[in-house]
Amino acid sequence: MATDHTTDATLVRQNYLREYRRNYHKNLTPQQREAKRHYEELRNRRLTPAQVQVRQAYGRAKMRERRKDPAYAMQYAKYNRAHRDSAKEGCMNMYSNGDACCAICRIADIDVLTLDHLENDGPVHRKAIAGQNNVSGFYTRLRTLGYPPGLQVLCFNCNSKKELVRKRSIRHVLS
């Protein structure tokens, strides 16, 4: 009987630690993130450039090996999909005041909703925010930055229509 109790306690602790490790980076305050980054920077400074290079090469080789495993690939894809969906859903809710619907036609299908830049500076703003012109990275970065202003939620049709009207008005002014 004592063995079952010990086993149950061990399983509970293992599950707790697994969840803690999984969510550790999500719950860090900005100060903790900065301290972690600073620690990593100092640790890397103590290493010679050759040692850093060897460590990085070893990490890349281990990751290449891991990605060959089909079970890992499926798990990785599932995690990435959930992460992307969560980031997109959070952005849509924040920029539409919790409704997650188009600002013009009020359609609420999350699959057709997208973010529109109020200043029509999409590629420039995405590059400045996310460091790349990548939408999934953009949603994640917006969440990290606390959802900065200047965006609205539109469906693809309304977003395309807005862009058409903008381009027509530019052509009209030029002619």
Protein backbone atom coordinates (compact mmCIF):
# COMPACT_ATOMS: atom_id res chain seq x y z
CA MET A 1 0.00 0.00 0.00
CA ALA A 2 2.82 2.41 0.83
CA THR A 3 4.36 1.71 -2.57
CA ASP A 4 1.15 2.77 -4.38
CA HIS A 5 1.06 6.02 -2.43
CA THR A 6 4.69 6.75 -3.25
CA THR A 7 4.06 5.94 -6.91
CA ASP A 8 1.01 8.22 -7.02
CA ALA A 9 2.94 11.04 -5.38
CA THR A 10 5.81 10.53 -7.80
CA LEU A 11 3.45 10.61 -10.79
CA VAL A 12 1.75 13.75 -9.52
CA ARG A 13 5.12 15.44 -9.05
CA GLN A 14 6.32 14.34 -12.49
CA ASN A 15 3.14 15.70 -14.11
CA TYR A 16 3.50 18.96 -12.20
CA LEU A 17 7.13 19.35 -13.24
CA ARG A 18 6.28 18.52 -16.87
CA GLU A 19 3.56 21.21 -16.93
CA TYR A 20 5.84 23.68 -15.16
CA ARG A 21 8.60 23.16 -17.72
CA ARG A 22 6.12 23.39 -20.58
CA ASN A 23 4.69 26.71 -19.36
CA TYR A 24 7.85 28.17 -17.79
CA HIS A 25 8.66 30.61 -20.60
CA LYS A 26 5.04 31.77 -20.92
CA ASN A 27 4.93 32.94 -17.29
CA LEU A 28 8.18 34.89 -17.16
CA THR A 29 7.99 38.58 -16.39
CA PRO A 30 9.93 40.96 -18.65
CA GLN A 31 12.53 41.33 -15.88
CA GLN A 32 12.96 37.55 -15.65
CA ARG A 33 13.29 37.29 -19.43
CA GLU A 34 15.96 39.99 -19.40
CA ALA A 35 17.82 38.25 -16.57
CA LYS A 36 17.68 34.95 -18.44
CA ARG A 37 18.96 36.59 -21.64
CA HIS A 38 21.72 38.35 -19.68
CA TYR A 39 22.76 35.08 -18.01
CA GLU A 40 22.94 33.32 -21.39
CA GLU A 41 25.00 36.19 -22.78
CA LEU A 42 27.44 36.04 -19.87
CA ARG A 43 27.71 32.27 -20.13
CA ASN A 44 28.52 32.54 -23.81
CA ARG A 45 31.11 35.26 -23.12
CA ARG A 46 33.06 32.90 -20.88
CA LEU A 47 33.33 30.44 -23.74
CA THR A 48 35.77 30.94 -26.56
CA PRO A 49 34.20 31.51 -29.97
CA ALA A 50 35.30 28.03 -31.01
CA GLN A 51 33.54 26.51 -28.00
CA VAL A 52 30.36 28.43 -28.77
CA GLN A 53 30.52 27.23 -32.37
CA VAL A 54 30.97 23.60 -31.27
CA ARG A 55 28.00 23.89 -28.90
CA GLN A 56 25.79 25.38 -31.59
CA ALA A 57 26.82 22.74 -34.12
CA TYR A 58 26.08 20.00 -31.61
CA GLY A 59 22.63 21.47 -30.89
CA ARG A 60 21.84 21.73 -34.60
CA ALA A 61 22.95 18.14 -35.19
CA LYS A 62 20.79 16.88 -32.31
CA MET A 63 17.80 18.80 -33.69
CA ARG A 64 18.34 17.36 -37.18
CA GLU A 65 18.38 13.87 -35.70
CA ARG A 66 15.27 14.55 -33.66
CA ARG A 67 13.36 15.88 -36.67
CA LYS A 68 13.94 12.60 -38.52
CA ASP A 69 11.79 10.83 -35.95
CA PRO A 70 8.20 10.70 -37.35
CA ALA A 71 6.63 10.79 -33.88
CA TYR A 72 8.58 13.96 -33.04
CA ALA A 73 7.66 15.55 -36.35
CA MET A 74 3.95 14.94 -35.71
CA GLN A 75 4.21 16.26 -32.17
CA TYR A 76 6.16 19.32 -33.35
CA ALA A 77 3.62 20.07 -36.09
CA LYS A 78 0.75 19.68 -33.64
CA TYR A 79 2.40 22.05 -31.17
CA ASN A 80 3.16 24.64 -33.88
CA ARG A 81 -0.39 24.51 -35.20
CA ALA A 82 -1.83 24.97 -31.69
CA HIS A 83 0.61 27.82 -31.00
CA ARG A 84 -0.25 29.60 -34.27
CA ASP A 85 -4.00 29.16 -33.70
CA SER A 86 -3.74 30.42 -30.14
CA ALA A 87 -1.75 33.49 -31.19
CA LYS A 88 -4.19 34.29 -34.01
CA GLU A 89 -7.25 33.81 -31.81
CA GLY A 90 -5.77 36.04 -29.12
CA CYS A 91 -5.04 38.80 -31.64
CA MET A 92 -8.48 38.59 -33.20
CA ASN A 93 -10.16 38.82 -29.78
CA MET A 94 -8.00 41.74 -28.65
CA TYR A 95 -8.34 43.83 -31.80
CA SER A 96 -12.09 43.27 -32.13
CA ASN A 97 -12.89 43.88 -28.45
CA GLY A 98 -13.56 40.22 -27.66
CA ASP A 99 -15.95 39.56 -30.56
CA ALA A 100 -13.44 38.07 -33.05
CA CYS A 101 -15.40 39.34 -36.03
CA CYS A 102 -14.87 41.60 -39.04
CA ALA A 103 -15.17 45.32 -38.29
CA ILE A 104 -17.15 45.93 -41.51
CA CYS A 105 -19.36 42.91 -42.29
CA ARG A 106 -19.30 41.30 -38.78
CA ILE A 107 -18.43 37.80 -40.09
CA ALA A 108 -17.09 35.70 -37.20
CA ASP A 109 -15.33 32.79 -38.93
CA ILE A 110 -11.81 32.79 -37.47
CA ASP A 111 -10.44 31.08 -40.60
CA VAL A 112 -11.24 34.07 -42.82
CA LEU A 113 -10.32 36.83 -40.37
CA THR A 114 -7.09 38.76 -40.73
CA LEU A 115 -5.47 41.85 -39.27
CA ASP A 116 -5.51 45.06 -41.26
CA HIS A 117 -3.14 47.96 -40.70
CA LEU A 118 -5.06 51.19 -40.26
CA GLU A 119 -2.19 53.20 -41.76
CA ASN A 120 -1.84 50.85 -44.79
CA ASP A 121 1.78 50.11 -43.90
CA GLY A 122 1.47 46.32 -43.57
CA PRO A 123 4.81 44.94 -44.81
CA VAL A 124 6.83 47.70 -43.17
CA HIS A 125 5.00 47.33 -39.84
CA ARG A 126 5.21 43.51 -39.87
CA LYS A 127 8.95 43.68 -40.54
CA ALA A 128 9.45 46.24 -37.76
CA ILE A 129 7.39 44.25 -35.23
CA ALA A 130 8.30 40.63 -36.01
CA GLY A 131 11.64 41.11 -37.73
CA GLN A 132 10.25 39.34 -40.76
CA ASN A 133 7.28 39.48 -43.10
CA ASN A 134 5.77 36.35 -41.54
CA VAL A 135 2.17 36.43 -40.32
CA SER A 136 2.35 33.67 -37.69
CA GLY A 137 5.47 35.23 -36.20
CA PHE A 138 3.66 38.56 -36.36
CA TYR A 139 0.72 37.32 -34.26
CA THR A 140 3.07 35.91 -31.64
CA ARG A 141 5.11 39.10 -31.54
CA LEU A 142 1.97 41.22 -31.13
CA ARG A 143 0.99 39.11 -28.13
CA THR A 144 4.48 39.53 -26.65
CA LEU A 145 4.34 43.32 -27.12
CA GLY A 146 0.93 43.58 -25.44
CA TYR A 147 -1.13 44.16 -28.62
CA PRO A 148 0.04 47.62 -29.78
CA PRO A 149 -2.55 49.90 -31.46
CA GLY A 150 -2.90 50.58 -35.19
CA LEU A 151 -4.61 47.36 -36.30
CA GLN A 152 -8.16 46.19 -36.89
CA VAL A 153 -9.80 42.86 -37.69
CA LEU A 154 -11.23 42.41 -41.20
CA CYS A 155 -12.27 39.37 -43.20
CA PHE A 156 -10.28 38.64 -46.36
CA ASN A 157 -13.04 40.06 -48.60
CA CYS A 158 -13.28 43.37 -46.75
CA ASN A 159 -9.50 43.61 -46.53
CA SER A 160 -9.17 43.05 -50.30
CA LYS A 161 -11.93 45.57 -50.98
CA LYS A 162 -10.21 48.18 -48.79
CA GLU A 163 -6.94 47.65 -50.71
CA LEU A 164 -8.74 47.93 -54.09
CA VAL A 165 -10.39 51.18 -53.05
CA ARG A 166 -7.03 52.54 -51.83
CA LYS A 167 -5.27 51.67 -55.10
CA ARG A 168 -8.10 53.16 -57.18
CA SER A 169 -7.93 56.40 -55.23
CA ILE A 170 -4.17 56.58 -55.82
CA ARG A 171 -4.68 56.02 -59.56
CA HIS A 172 -7.41 58.66 -59.59
CA VAL A 173 -5.14 61.22 -57.95
CA LEU A 174 -2.27 60.43 -60.36
CA SER A 175 -4.39 60.74 -63.51
